[in-house]
């Protein structure tokens, strides 16, 4: 009987450990980055951005978009892995 309780307690402990890493902050960060990427994509697609001497602005926008392009897939992968662990627990 105690063995069954110990197994259930271990499962609950594991669930709590995984749930602690499964935060709304990660989801919020991903959503903000996705929104920022959409905004940057729209701005970079606008021909008016390229009119005049806006080289610095264009460089900052393309650099930031590249950074988001590297960060976002990593966050999404980590998020999916945590979801899978949580569902399996």
C-alpha atoms as a PDB file:
ATOM      1  CA  UNK A   1       0.000   0.000   0.000  1.00  0.00           C
ATOM      2  CA  UNK A   2       2.756   2.461   0.909  1.00  0.00           C
ATOM      3  CA  UNK A   3       4.525   1.690  -2.363  1.00  0.00           C
ATOM      4  CA  UNK A   4       1.494   2.909  -4.320  1.00  0.00           C
ATOM      5  CA  UNK A   5       1.386   6.103  -2.279  1.00  0.00           C
ATOM      6  CA  UNK A   6       5.098   6.674  -2.850  1.00  0.00           C
ATOM      7  CA  UNK A   7       4.654   6.296  -6.621  1.00  0.00           C
ATOM      8  CA  UNK A   8       1.780   8.770  -6.627  1.00  0.00           C
ATOM      9  CA  UNK A   9       3.771  11.212  -4.504  1.00  0.00           C
ATOM     10  CA  UNK A  10       6.743  10.917  -6.872  1.00  0.00           C
ATOM     11  CA  UNK A  11       4.426  11.667  -9.795  1.00  0.00           C
ATOM     12  CA  UNK A  12       2.980  14.698  -8.011  1.00  0.00           C
ATOM     13  CA  UNK A  13       6.487  15.922  -7.144  1.00  0.00           C
ATOM     14  CA  UNK A  14       7.605  15.537 -10.760  1.00  0.00           C
ATOM     15  CA  UNK A  15       4.484  17.350 -11.977  1.00  0.00           C
ATOM     16  CA  UNK A  16       5.185  20.236  -9.595  1.00  0.00           C
ATOM     17  CA  UNK A  17       8.804  20.434 -10.742  1.00  0.00           C
ATOM     18  CA  UNK A  18       7.821  20.608 -14.406  1.00  0.00           C
ATOM     19  CA  UNK A  19       4.949  23.021 -13.766  1.00  0.00           C
ATOM     20  CA  UNK A  20       7.353  25.420 -12.042  1.00  0.00           C
ATOM     21  CA  UNK A  21       9.219  25.795 -15.348  1.00  0.00           C
ATOM     22  CA  UNK A  22       6.003  26.070 -17.353  1.00  0.00           C
ATOM     23  CA  UNK A  23       5.405  29.736 -16.837  1.00  0.00           C
ATOM     24  CA  UNK A  24       3.140  32.355 -18.288  1.00  0.00           C
ATOM     25  CA  UNK A  25       6.202  34.594 -18.507  1.00  0.00           C
ATOM     26  CA  UNK A  26       7.620  32.405 -21.262  1.00  0.00           C
ATOM     27  CA  UNK A  27       4.333  32.543 -23.157  1.00  0.00           C
ATOM     28  CA  UNK A  28       4.174  36.318 -22.712  1.00  0.00           C
ATOM     29  CA  UNK A  29       7.756  36.740 -23.908  1.00  0.00           C
ATOM     30  CA  UNK A  30       7.044  34.641 -27.002  1.00  0.00           C
ATOM     31  CA  UNK A  31       3.889  36.626 -27.762  1.00  0.00           C
ATOM     32  CA  UNK A  32       5.748  39.936 -27.428  1.00  0.00           C
ATOM     33  CA  UNK A  33       8.525  38.741 -29.718  1.00  0.00           C
ATOM     34  CA  UNK A  34       6.009  37.482 -32.278  1.00  0.00           C
ATOM     35  CA  UNK A  35       4.219  40.840 -32.215  1.00  0.00           C
ATOM     36  CA  UNK A  36       7.497  42.723 -32.533  1.00  0.00           C
ATOM     37  CA  UNK A  37       8.528  40.514 -35.466  1.00  0.00           C
ATOM     38  CA  UNK A  38       5.227  41.246 -37.237  1.00  0.00           C
ATOM     39  CA  UNK A  39       5.668  44.980 -36.654  1.00  0.00           C
ATOM     40  CA  UNK A  40       9.239  44.910 -37.945  1.00  0.00           C
ATOM     41  CA  UNK A  41       8.247  42.827 -40.979  1.00  0.00           C
ATOM     42  CA  UNK A  42       5.522  45.317 -41.832  1.00  0.00           C
ATOM     43  CA  UNK A  43       7.865  48.291 -41.399  1.00  0.00           C
ATOM     44  CA  UNK A  44      10.624  46.673 -43.444  1.00  0.00           C
ATOM     45  CA  UNK A  45       8.141  45.919 -46.241  1.00  0.00           C
ATOM     46  CA  UNK A  46       7.053  49.553 -46.453  1.00  0.00           C
ATOM     47  CA  UNK A  47       8.803  51.344 -49.344  1.00  0.00           C
ATOM     48  CA  UNK A  48       8.581  54.652 -47.459  1.00  0.00           C
ATOM     49  CA  UNK A  49      11.167  53.334 -45.011  1.00  0.00           C
ATOM     50  CA  UNK A  50      13.727  53.279 -47.793  1.00  0.00           C
ATOM     51  CA  UNK A  51      13.009  56.808 -48.977  1.00  0.00           C
ATOM     52  CA  UNK A  52      15.488  59.336 -47.710  1.00  0.00           C
ATOM     53  CA  UNK A  53      18.471  58.749 -45.505  1.00  0.00           C
ATOM     54  CA  UNK A  54      17.200  56.193 -42.984  1.00  0.00           C
ATOM     55  CA  UNK A  55      20.116  53.787 -43.137  1.00  0.00           C
ATOM     56  CA  UNK A  56      20.565  53.687 -39.367  1.00  0.00           C
ATOM     57  CA  UNK A  57      16.888  52.925 -38.775  1.00  0.00           C
ATOM     58  CA  UNK A  58      16.901  50.213 -41.439  1.00  0.00           C
ATOM     59  CA  UNK A  59      20.045  48.644 -39.961  1.00  0.00           C
ATOM     60  CA  UNK A  60      18.605  48.626 -36.434  1.00  0.00           C
ATOM     61  CA  UNK A  61      15.308  47.144 -37.639  1.00  0.00           C
ATOM     62  CA  UNK A  62      16.944  44.397 -39.694  1.00  0.00           C
ATOM     63  CA  UNK A  63      19.375  43.570 -36.888  1.00  0.00           C
ATOM     64  CA  UNK A  64      16.582  43.354 -34.317  1.00  0.00           C
ATOM     65  CA  UNK A  65      14.514  41.206 -36.693  1.00  0.00           C
ATOM     66  CA  UNK A  66      17.469  38.848 -37.139  1.00  0.00           C
ATOM     67  CA  UNK A  67      17.894  38.553 -33.364  1.00  0.00           C
ATOM     68  CA  UNK A  68      14.201  37.755 -32.923  1.00  0.00           C
ATOM     69  CA  UNK A  69      14.511  35.214 -35.725  1.00  0.00           C
ATOM     70  CA  UNK A  70      17.167  33.395 -33.698  1.00  0.00           C
ATOM     71  CA  UNK A  71      15.560  33.710 -30.245  1.00  0.00           C
ATOM     72  CA  UNK A  72      11.956  32.856 -31.073  1.00  0.00           C
ATOM     73  CA  UNK A  73      12.486  29.329 -32.445  1.00  0.00           C
ATOM     74  CA  UNK A  74      14.537  28.436 -29.363  1.00  0.00           C
ATOM     75  CA  UNK A  75      11.825  29.703 -27.017  1.00  0.00           C
ATOM     76  CA  UNK A  76       9.135  27.895 -28.990  1.00  0.00           C
ATOM     77  CA  UNK A  77      11.089  24.624 -28.849  1.00  0.00           C
ATOM     78  CA  UNK A  78      11.647  24.945 -25.091  1.00  0.00           C
ATOM     79  CA  UNK A  79       7.957  25.769 -24.601  1.00  0.00           C
ATOM     80  CA  UNK A  80       6.836  22.715 -26.587  1.00  0.00           C
ATOM     81  CA  UNK A  81       9.250  20.452 -24.708  1.00  0.00           C
ATOM     82  CA  UNK A  82       7.894  21.700 -21.371  1.00  0.00           C
ATOM     83  CA  UNK A  83       4.330  21.147 -22.539  1.00  0.00           C
ATOM     84  CA  UNK A  84       5.145  17.591 -23.568  1.00  0.00           C
ATOM     85  CA  UNK A  85       6.841  16.864 -20.228  1.00  0.00           C
ATOM     86  CA  UNK A  86       3.909  18.324 -18.339  1.00  0.00           C
ATOM     87  CA  UNK A  87       1.413  16.245 -20.318  1.00  0.00           C
ATOM     88  CA  UNK A  88       3.501  13.104 -19.805  1.00  0.00           C
ATOM     89  CA  UNK A  89       3.808  13.627 -16.036  1.00  0.00           C
END
